[in-house]
Each structure stands twice: as structure tokens, then as C-alpha cells.
């Protein structure tokens, strides 16, 4: 399913190109966060901002739900929405390691 979704995306620099930056924050309850891209990149598209939004679906957590995070070094791709917004793609820790996962829910008390 992920490959079918990715096939419809337009990527900055191609699907496999990885950028580095800092995940400023990720809020699991809201399902998004923001990445500050490291300076010095040349892009094949105009208008790539310094900071891009990342949705929960693009946080690579080995299939689990992403947890709260802030000020983390990350690697990611960049894709462009149909409205022209740049967003994070397949966000991982450096070297491709999975992102931190959300703690399991507390067991319900009987």
C-alpha cells in the first residue's frame, strides 16, 4: 500500500534522496511536527522552505505509532503536495534507524 501511495507523490530530488535536519517537535496527539532542514542543500525545485511539516504517516517507527519528540537529528526525503507544500517523507533517525515510538497505553484498571 505504501508503494502505491508513494508512486503518486512528486519528490524533491527523487524518492531515494535523503536530507538531514532537526525535528523541532512532533506531537502525536495532533499527528504532525516540523523539521528544520540543515542549510546548504541545492534543490531541483523552487520554493523549498527552511522548515517543513511532517505528518504521522511519514514518521518511520517500524510500523508503530510515533511518540512525542523534540530537537532530534533526523534524515528524510521531501515531497510536494498537489497544493505545492513541501512535506517530510520517510523520516528516520540518522542512518535510517526508526524514530522513537509512543509508549504503550496504560492498562485499564478493572
C-alpha atoms as a PDB file:
ATOM      1  CA  UNK A   1       0.000   0.000   0.000  1.00  0.00           C
ATOM      2  CA  UNK A   2       2.825   2.428   0.856  1.00  0.00           C
ATOM      3  CA  UNK A   3       4.399   1.946  -2.601  1.00  0.00           C
ATOM      4  CA  UNK A   4       1.092   2.777  -4.314  1.00  0.00           C
ATOM      5  CA  UNK A   5       0.755   5.968  -2.262  1.00  0.00           C
ATOM      6  CA  UNK A   6       4.397   6.927  -2.902  1.00  0.00           C
ATOM      7  CA  UNK A   7       4.019   6.403  -6.661  1.00  0.00           C
ATOM      8  CA  UNK A   8       1.607   9.357  -6.732  1.00  0.00           C
ATOM      9  CA  UNK A   9       3.974  11.715  -4.908  1.00  0.00           C
ATOM     10  CA  UNK A  10       6.269  14.279  -6.513  1.00  0.00           C
ATOM     11  CA  UNK A  11       9.643  14.289  -4.743  1.00  0.00           C
ATOM     12  CA  UNK A  12      12.276  16.999  -4.392  1.00  0.00           C
ATOM     13  CA  UNK A  13      15.457  15.416  -5.772  1.00  0.00           C
ATOM     14  CA  UNK A  14      13.862  11.970  -6.174  1.00  0.00           C
ATOM     15  CA  UNK A  15      12.253   9.426  -3.858  1.00  0.00           C
ATOM     16  CA  UNK A  16      15.538   7.990  -2.548  1.00  0.00           C
ATOM     17  CA  UNK A  17      17.402  11.250  -1.896  1.00  0.00           C
ATOM     18  CA  UNK A  18      17.904  11.856   1.827  1.00  0.00           C
ATOM     19  CA  UNK A  19      18.259  15.226   3.536  1.00  0.00           C
ATOM     20  CA  UNK A  20      19.296  15.948   7.115  1.00  0.00           C
ATOM     21  CA  UNK A  21      17.838  18.331   9.637  1.00  0.00           C
ATOM     22  CA  UNK A  22      16.394  18.691  13.106  1.00  0.00           C
ATOM     23  CA  UNK A  23      12.933  17.562  14.107  1.00  0.00           C
ATOM     24  CA  UNK A  24      11.902  20.648  16.074  1.00  0.00           C
ATOM     25  CA  UNK A  25       8.938  18.781  17.539  1.00  0.00           C
ATOM     26  CA  UNK A  26       6.418  16.040  16.825  1.00  0.00           C
ATOM     27  CA  UNK A  27       3.056  15.997  18.603  1.00  0.00           C
ATOM     28  CA  UNK A  28       1.470  12.528  18.460  1.00  0.00           C
ATOM     29  CA  UNK A  29      -1.998  13.693  19.527  1.00  0.00           C
ATOM     30  CA  UNK A  30      -2.082  16.271  16.735  1.00  0.00           C
ATOM     31  CA  UNK A  31      -0.348  13.916  14.278  1.00  0.00           C
ATOM     32  CA  UNK A  32       2.268  16.306  12.948  1.00  0.00           C
ATOM     33  CA  UNK A  33       5.530  18.091  13.602  1.00  0.00           C
ATOM     34  CA  UNK A  34       8.087  20.341  11.920  1.00  0.00           C
ATOM     35  CA  UNK A  35      11.597  19.729  10.605  1.00  0.00           C
ATOM     36  CA  UNK A  36      14.226  22.453  10.187  1.00  0.00           C
ATOM     37  CA  UNK A  37      16.292  21.431   7.154  1.00  0.00           C
ATOM     38  CA  UNK A  38      20.072  21.707   7.523  1.00  0.00           C
ATOM     39  CA  UNK A  39      21.431  24.613   5.403  1.00  0.00           C
ATOM     40  CA  UNK A  40      23.453  24.184   2.221  1.00  0.00           C
ATOM     41  CA  UNK A  41      21.255  21.969   0.034  1.00  0.00           C
ATOM     42  CA  UNK A  42      20.671  22.665  -3.657  1.00  0.00           C
ATOM     43  CA  UNK A  43      17.154  21.654  -4.707  1.00  0.00           C
ATOM     44  CA  UNK A  44      15.771  20.675  -8.108  1.00  0.00           C
ATOM     45  CA  UNK A  45      12.557  22.561  -7.304  1.00  0.00           C
ATOM     46  CA  UNK A  46      11.967  26.196  -6.385  1.00  0.00           C
ATOM     47  CA  UNK A  47      10.456  27.324  -3.119  1.00  0.00           C
ATOM     48  CA  UNK A  48      11.644  24.661  -0.652  1.00  0.00           C
ATOM     49  CA  UNK A  49      11.286  26.378   2.758  1.00  0.00           C
ATOM     50  CA  UNK A  50      13.720  26.148   5.694  1.00  0.00           C
ATOM     51  CA  UNK A  51      11.121  24.288   7.731  1.00  0.00           C
ATOM     52  CA  UNK A  52       8.711  21.626   6.523  1.00  0.00           C
ATOM     53  CA  UNK A  53       5.763  19.860   8.110  1.00  0.00           C
ATOM     54  CA  UNK A  54       5.803  16.110   8.684  1.00  0.00           C
ATOM     55  CA  UNK A  55       2.670  14.012   9.161  1.00  0.00           C
ATOM     56  CA  UNK A  56       2.445  10.961  11.444  1.00  0.00           C
ATOM     57  CA  UNK A  57       2.203   8.638   8.402  1.00  0.00           C
ATOM     58  CA  UNK A  58       5.726   9.661   7.322  1.00  0.00           C
ATOM     59  CA  UNK A  59       7.371   9.043  10.711  1.00  0.00           C
ATOM     60  CA  UNK A  60       9.199   5.736  10.245  1.00  0.00           C
ATOM     61  CA  UNK A  61       8.722   3.867  13.542  1.00  0.00           C
ATOM     62  CA  UNK A  62       8.912   0.258  12.323  1.00  0.00           C
ATOM     63  CA  UNK A  63       5.138   0.200  11.885  1.00  0.00           C
ATOM     64  CA  UNK A  64       4.348   1.552  15.343  1.00  0.00           C
ATOM     65  CA  UNK A  65       2.886   4.904  16.352  1.00  0.00           C
ATOM     66  CA  UNK A  66       5.384   7.766  16.671  1.00  0.00           C
ATOM     67  CA  UNK A  67       5.954   9.225  20.119  1.00  0.00           C
ATOM     68  CA  UNK A  68       6.455  12.805  21.257  1.00  0.00           C
ATOM     69  CA  UNK A  69       9.825  14.119  20.141  1.00  0.00           C
ATOM     70  CA  UNK A  70      11.703  17.393  20.040  1.00  0.00           C
ATOM     71  CA  UNK A  71      15.106  18.617  18.938  1.00  0.00           C
ATOM     72  CA  UNK A  72      16.147  15.323  17.271  1.00  0.00           C
ATOM     73  CA  UNK A  73      18.591  14.973  14.363  1.00  0.00           C
ATOM     74  CA  UNK A  74      16.754  13.229  11.509  1.00  0.00           C
ATOM     75  CA  UNK A  75      17.067  12.070   7.902  1.00  0.00           C
ATOM     76  CA  UNK A  76      14.172  12.399   5.465  1.00  0.00           C
ATOM     77  CA  UNK A  77      13.000  12.876   1.924  1.00  0.00           C
ATOM     78  CA  UNK A  78      10.906  15.802   0.740  1.00  0.00           C
ATOM     79  CA  UNK A  79       7.706  15.524  -1.273  1.00  0.00           C
ATOM     80  CA  UNK A  80       5.448  18.200  -2.713  1.00  0.00           C
ATOM     81  CA  UNK A  81       1.663  18.156  -2.211  1.00  0.00           C
ATOM     82  CA  UNK A  82      -0.772  18.911  -5.028  1.00  0.00           C
ATOM     83  CA  UNK A  83      -1.103  22.394  -3.476  1.00  0.00           C
ATOM     84  CA  UNK A  84       2.680  22.912  -3.694  1.00  0.00           C
ATOM     85  CA  UNK A  85       3.543  22.461   0.005  1.00  0.00           C
ATOM     86  CA  UNK A  86       6.804  20.646   0.828  1.00  0.00           C
ATOM     87  CA  UNK A  87       6.500  17.897   3.460  1.00  0.00           C
ATOM     88  CA  UNK A  88       8.775  15.369   5.132  1.00  0.00           C
ATOM     89  CA  UNK A  89       8.887  11.829   3.711  1.00  0.00           C
ATOM     90  CA  UNK A  90      10.040   8.613   5.453  1.00  0.00           C
ATOM     91  CA  UNK A  91      11.543  10.426   8.459  1.00  0.00           C
ATOM     92  CA  UNK A  92      14.146   8.374  10.374  1.00  0.00           C
ATOM     93  CA  UNK A  93      16.946   8.896  12.830  1.00  0.00           C
ATOM     94  CA  UNK A  94      20.418   9.274  11.239  1.00  0.00           C
ATOM     95  CA  UNK A  95      21.490   6.129   9.393  1.00  0.00           C
ATOM     96  CA  UNK A  96      17.888   5.053   8.824  1.00  0.00           C
ATOM     97  CA  UNK A  97      17.166   3.978  12.411  1.00  0.00           C
ATOM     98  CA  UNK A  98      13.461   4.032  13.390  1.00  0.00           C
ATOM     99  CA  UNK A  99      12.048   7.055  15.176  1.00  0.00           C
ATOM    100  CA  UNK A 100      11.071   6.797  18.872  1.00  0.00           C
ATOM    101  CA  UNK A 101       7.703   5.103  19.362  1.00  0.00           C
ATOM    102  CA  UNK A 102       4.830   6.128  21.579  1.00  0.00           C
ATOM    103  CA  UNK A 103       4.715   4.350  24.959  1.00  0.00           C
ATOM    104  CA  UNK A 104       2.064   1.642  25.170  1.00  0.00           C
ATOM    105  CA  UNK A 105      -1.234   2.790  26.673  1.00  0.00           C
ATOM    106  CA  UNK A 106      -1.585   2.252  30.384  1.00  0.00           C
ATOM    107  CA  UNK A 107      -3.624  -0.854  31.214  1.00  0.00           C
ATOM    108  CA  UNK A 108      -7.190  -0.142  32.202  1.00  0.00           C
ATOM    109  CA  UNK A 109      -7.911  -0.692  35.859  1.00  0.00           C
ATOM    110  CA  UNK A 110     -10.709  -3.184  36.479  1.00  0.00           C
END
